Protein backbone atom coordinates (compact mmCIF):
# COMPACT_ATOMS: atom_id res chain seq x y z
CA UNK A 1 121.05 121.48 68.56
CA UNK A 2 117.59 120.59 69.88
CA UNK A 3 117.07 116.93 70.74
CA UNK A 4 114.50 115.12 72.92
CA UNK A 5 117.08 114.96 75.72
CA UNK A 6 117.27 118.78 75.85
CA UNK A 7 113.51 119.42 75.90
CA UNK A 8 111.97 120.78 79.06
CA UNK A 9 108.46 119.98 80.29
CA UNK A 10 106.81 122.63 78.11
CA UNK A 11 108.89 121.56 75.08
CA UNK A 12 107.79 117.95 75.56
CA UNK A 13 104.13 118.93 75.79
CA UNK A 14 104.42 121.04 72.63
CA UNK A 15 106.06 118.15 70.73
CA UNK A 16 103.44 115.74 72.05
CA UNK A 17 100.58 117.99 70.93
CA UNK A 18 102.30 118.37 67.56
CA UNK A 19 102.48 114.60 67.02
CA UNK A 20 99.42 113.22 68.83
CA UNK A 21 97.25 112.97 65.70
CA UNK A 22 99.95 110.99 63.92
CA UNK A 23 100.16 108.57 66.85
CA UNK A 24 96.38 108.14 66.79
CA UNK A 25 96.42 107.47 63.00
CA UNK A 26 98.78 104.58 63.75
CA UNK A 27 96.30 103.16 66.27
CA UNK A 28 98.09 104.31 69.40
CA UNK A 29 96.50 106.00 72.38
CA UNK A 30 98.45 108.94 73.76
CA UNK A 31 96.80 111.02 76.47
CA UNK A 32 98.32 113.58 78.76
CA UNK A 33 97.51 116.03 81.46
CA UNK A 34 99.62 119.00 82.44
CA UNK A 35 98.62 119.19 86.12
CA UNK A 36 99.73 116.84 87.41
CA UNK A 37 102.05 116.05 84.52
CA UNK A 38 101.03 112.64 83.16
CA UNK A 39 101.51 110.96 79.78
CA UNK A 40 99.85 107.67 78.90
CA UNK A 41 101.02 105.56 75.96
CA UNK A 42 99.13 102.51 74.69
CA UNK A 43 100.20 101.12 71.30
CA UNK A 44 98.10 98.58 69.35
CA UNK A 45 100.10 95.60 70.73
CA UNK A 46 99.27 96.77 74.26
CA UNK A 47 95.56 97.01 73.45
CA UNK A 48 95.61 93.36 72.31
CA UNK A 49 97.56 92.34 75.43
CA UNK A 50 94.67 93.55 77.55
CA UNK A 51 92.54 90.72 76.16
CA UNK A 52 94.94 87.92 77.15
CA UNK A 53 93.47 85.45 79.64
CA UNK A 54 96.41 85.99 82.00
CA UNK A 55 95.60 89.72 82.15
CA UNK A 56 92.71 88.92 84.49
CA UNK A 57 95.02 87.24 86.99
CA UNK A 58 98.31 89.05 87.36
CA UNK A 59 99.85 92.35 86.27
CA UNK A 60 103.41 93.46 86.98
CA UNK A 61 103.77 97.19 87.68
CA UNK A 62 107.36 98.39 87.40
CA UNK A 63 108.42 102.00 87.85
CA UNK A 64 111.75 103.58 87.07
CA UNK A 65 112.24 106.95 88.75
CA UNK A 66 114.39 110.02 88.20
CA UNK A 67 114.73 109.31 84.48
CA UNK A 68 115.80 112.84 83.58
CA UNK A 69 116.52 116.31 84.93
CA UNK A 70 112.76 116.93 85.22
CA UNK A 71 112.45 113.94 87.64
CA UNK A 72 110.05 111.96 85.45
CA UNK A 73 109.12 108.39 86.38
CA UNK A 74 108.14 105.73 83.86
CA UNK A 75 105.74 102.99 84.93
CA UNK A 76 105.24 99.87 82.82
CA UNK A 77 102.22 97.61 83.21
CA UNK A 78 103.20 94.10 82.08
CA UNK A 79 101.09 90.97 81.63
CA UNK A 80 102.65 87.49 81.81
CA UNK A 81 102.34 85.41 78.65
CA UNK A 82 103.98 82.43 76.95
CA UNK A 83 106.74 84.69 75.62
CA UNK A 84 107.53 86.15 79.07
CA UNK A 85 105.65 89.41 79.49
CA UNK A 86 103.88 91.81 77.17
CA UNK A 87 103.29 95.49 77.99
CA UNK A 88 99.77 96.74 78.66
CA UNK A 89 100.56 100.44 78.99
CA UNK A 90 103.18 103.02 79.86
CA UNK A 91 102.52 105.86 82.28
CA UNK A 92 104.99 108.75 82.57
CA UNK A 93 104.62 111.10 85.53
CA UNK A 94 106.61 113.90 87.09
CA UNK A 95 107.96 112.79 90.45
CA UNK A 96 106.46 109.88 92.33
CA UNK A 97 103.48 111.35 94.13
CA UNK A 98 100.28 109.49 94.84
CA UNK A 99 98.35 112.24 93.04
CA UNK A 100 100.39 111.82 89.85
CA UNK A 101 100.28 108.01 89.95
CA UNK A 102 96.51 108.07 90.48
CA UNK A 103 96.00 110.48 87.57
CA UNK A 104 98.14 108.28 85.30
CA UNK A 105 96.49 105.03 86.35
CA UNK A 106 93.03 106.56 85.83
CA UNK A 107 94.06 107.58 82.31
CA UNK A 108 95.11 103.98 81.64
CA UNK A 109 91.91 102.54 83.07
CA UNK A 110 89.69 104.92 81.08
CA UNK A 111 91.66 104.47 77.85
CA UNK A 112 91.41 100.69 77.79
CA UNK A 113 87.67 100.45 78.32
CA UNK A 114 87.26 97.05 79.98
CA UNK A 115 90.85 95.82 80.32
CA UNK A 116 92.28 92.73 81.96
CA UNK A 117 90.48 90.18 79.77
CA UNK A 118 87.19 92.07 80.13
CA UNK A 119 87.24 91.85 83.96
CA UNK A 120 88.01 95.54 84.46
CA UNK A 121 90.81 94.72 86.90
CA UNK A 122 93.29 91.94 87.60
CA UNK A 123 93.26 89.82 90.73
CA UNK A 124 96.84 90.75 91.71
CA UNK A 125 99.29 93.56 91.03
CA UNK A 126 102.98 92.76 91.64
CA UNK A 127 104.77 96.02 92.52
CA UNK A 128 107.88 97.50 94.01
CA UNK A 129 107.95 98.93 97.52
CA UNK A 130 106.34 102.32 96.78
CA UNK A 131 103.43 103.27 99.01
CA UNK A 132 102.39 106.04 96.58
CA UNK A 133 102.20 103.53 93.72
CA UNK A 134 100.43 100.86 95.80
CA UNK A 135 97.91 103.35 97.24
CA UNK A 136 97.16 104.66 93.75
CA UNK A 137 96.61 101.16 92.36
CA UNK A 138 94.24 100.44 95.27
CA UNK A 139 92.39 103.69 94.63
CA UNK A 140 91.94 103.13 90.89
CA UNK A 141 91.37 99.37 91.07
CA UNK A 142 89.88 98.70 94.53
CA UNK A 143 89.68 95.07 95.55
CA UNK A 144 92.89 94.03 93.82
CA UNK A 145 95.61 92.46 95.91
CA UNK A 146 99.00 94.20 95.85
CA UNK A 147 102.08 92.05 96.41
CA UNK A 148 105.77 92.95 96.41
CA UNK A 149 107.93 91.24 93.82
CA UNK A 150 110.54 88.98 95.43
CA UNK A 151 113.42 91.28 94.43
CA UNK A 152 111.80 94.20 96.24
CA UNK A 153 111.05 92.07 99.31
CA UNK A 154 114.78 91.37 99.60
CA UNK A 155 115.54 95.03 99.03
CA UNK A 156 113.09 96.01 101.80
CA UNK A 157 114.72 93.53 104.21
CA UNK A 158 118.16 94.94 103.38
CA UNK A 159 116.93 98.51 104.02
CA UNK A 160 115.38 97.37 107.31
CA UNK A 161 118.69 95.85 108.39
CA UNK A 162 120.52 99.10 107.57
CA UNK A 163 118.03 101.26 109.50
CA UNK A 164 119.89 102.28 112.68
CA UNK A 165 116.72 102.28 114.78
CA UNK A 166 116.77 98.44 114.66
CA UNK A 167 120.26 98.34 116.26
CA UNK A 168 121.56 95.59 113.97
CA UNK A 169 125.35 95.34 113.95
CA UNK A 170 126.90 95.74 110.49
CA UNK A 171 128.79 92.46 110.80
CA UNK A 172 125.42 90.69 111.18
CA UNK A 173 123.89 92.14 107.98
CA UNK A 174 125.17 89.48 105.59
CA UNK A 175 124.43 86.63 108.03
CA UNK A 176 120.83 87.79 108.53
CA UNK A 177 120.39 88.41 104.80
CA UNK A 178 121.66 84.88 104.19
CA UNK A 179 119.02 83.49 106.56
CA UNK A 180 116.36 85.51 104.77
CA UNK A 181 117.52 84.22 101.36
CA UNK A 182 117.48 80.61 102.59
CA UNK A 183 113.95 81.07 103.94
CA UNK A 184 112.76 82.50 100.63
CA UNK A 185 114.30 79.59 98.72
CA UNK A 186 112.58 77.11 101.07
CA UNK A 187 109.23 78.87 100.69
CA UNK A 188 109.50 78.94 96.90
CA UNK A 189 110.54 75.29 96.49
């Protein structure tokens, strides 16, 4: 039986082409490119989110990788609001290359017109520790500051501790991570 989970790249593109007019009738923006493989999704709620005042200040960019056998990554752009966060757009790419991220981010930028509360770009992007993602954001929205979210800062410290070239003894990992955590708590309070 054919289901979305069994579709390959060409099957997904065919289904997307088949349904794109219906999505547009409902007010959604769905754009894609085949090389590099990129799909952009912006539903009406996301279009309205772009006009929030907070959209000019801060945007969270969160990617989840290796989502399927085709190695697709899903990137959510989220804007803080009174309810927590509201999505601005979803970019699906194959792999996690700078070329694919840049193509997807350009699709988002061009599809929203003048996003981020009419400023064209936010002041700050909060991201994970992906140089391809950060470089692409800087390329598409030059002048924006890119900061790591606190979770990913801790993750980067943990990876640094585990890297054998730093000659950190395993029994010191948790002690050093504890010091790092205490420092972060002090900085944030």
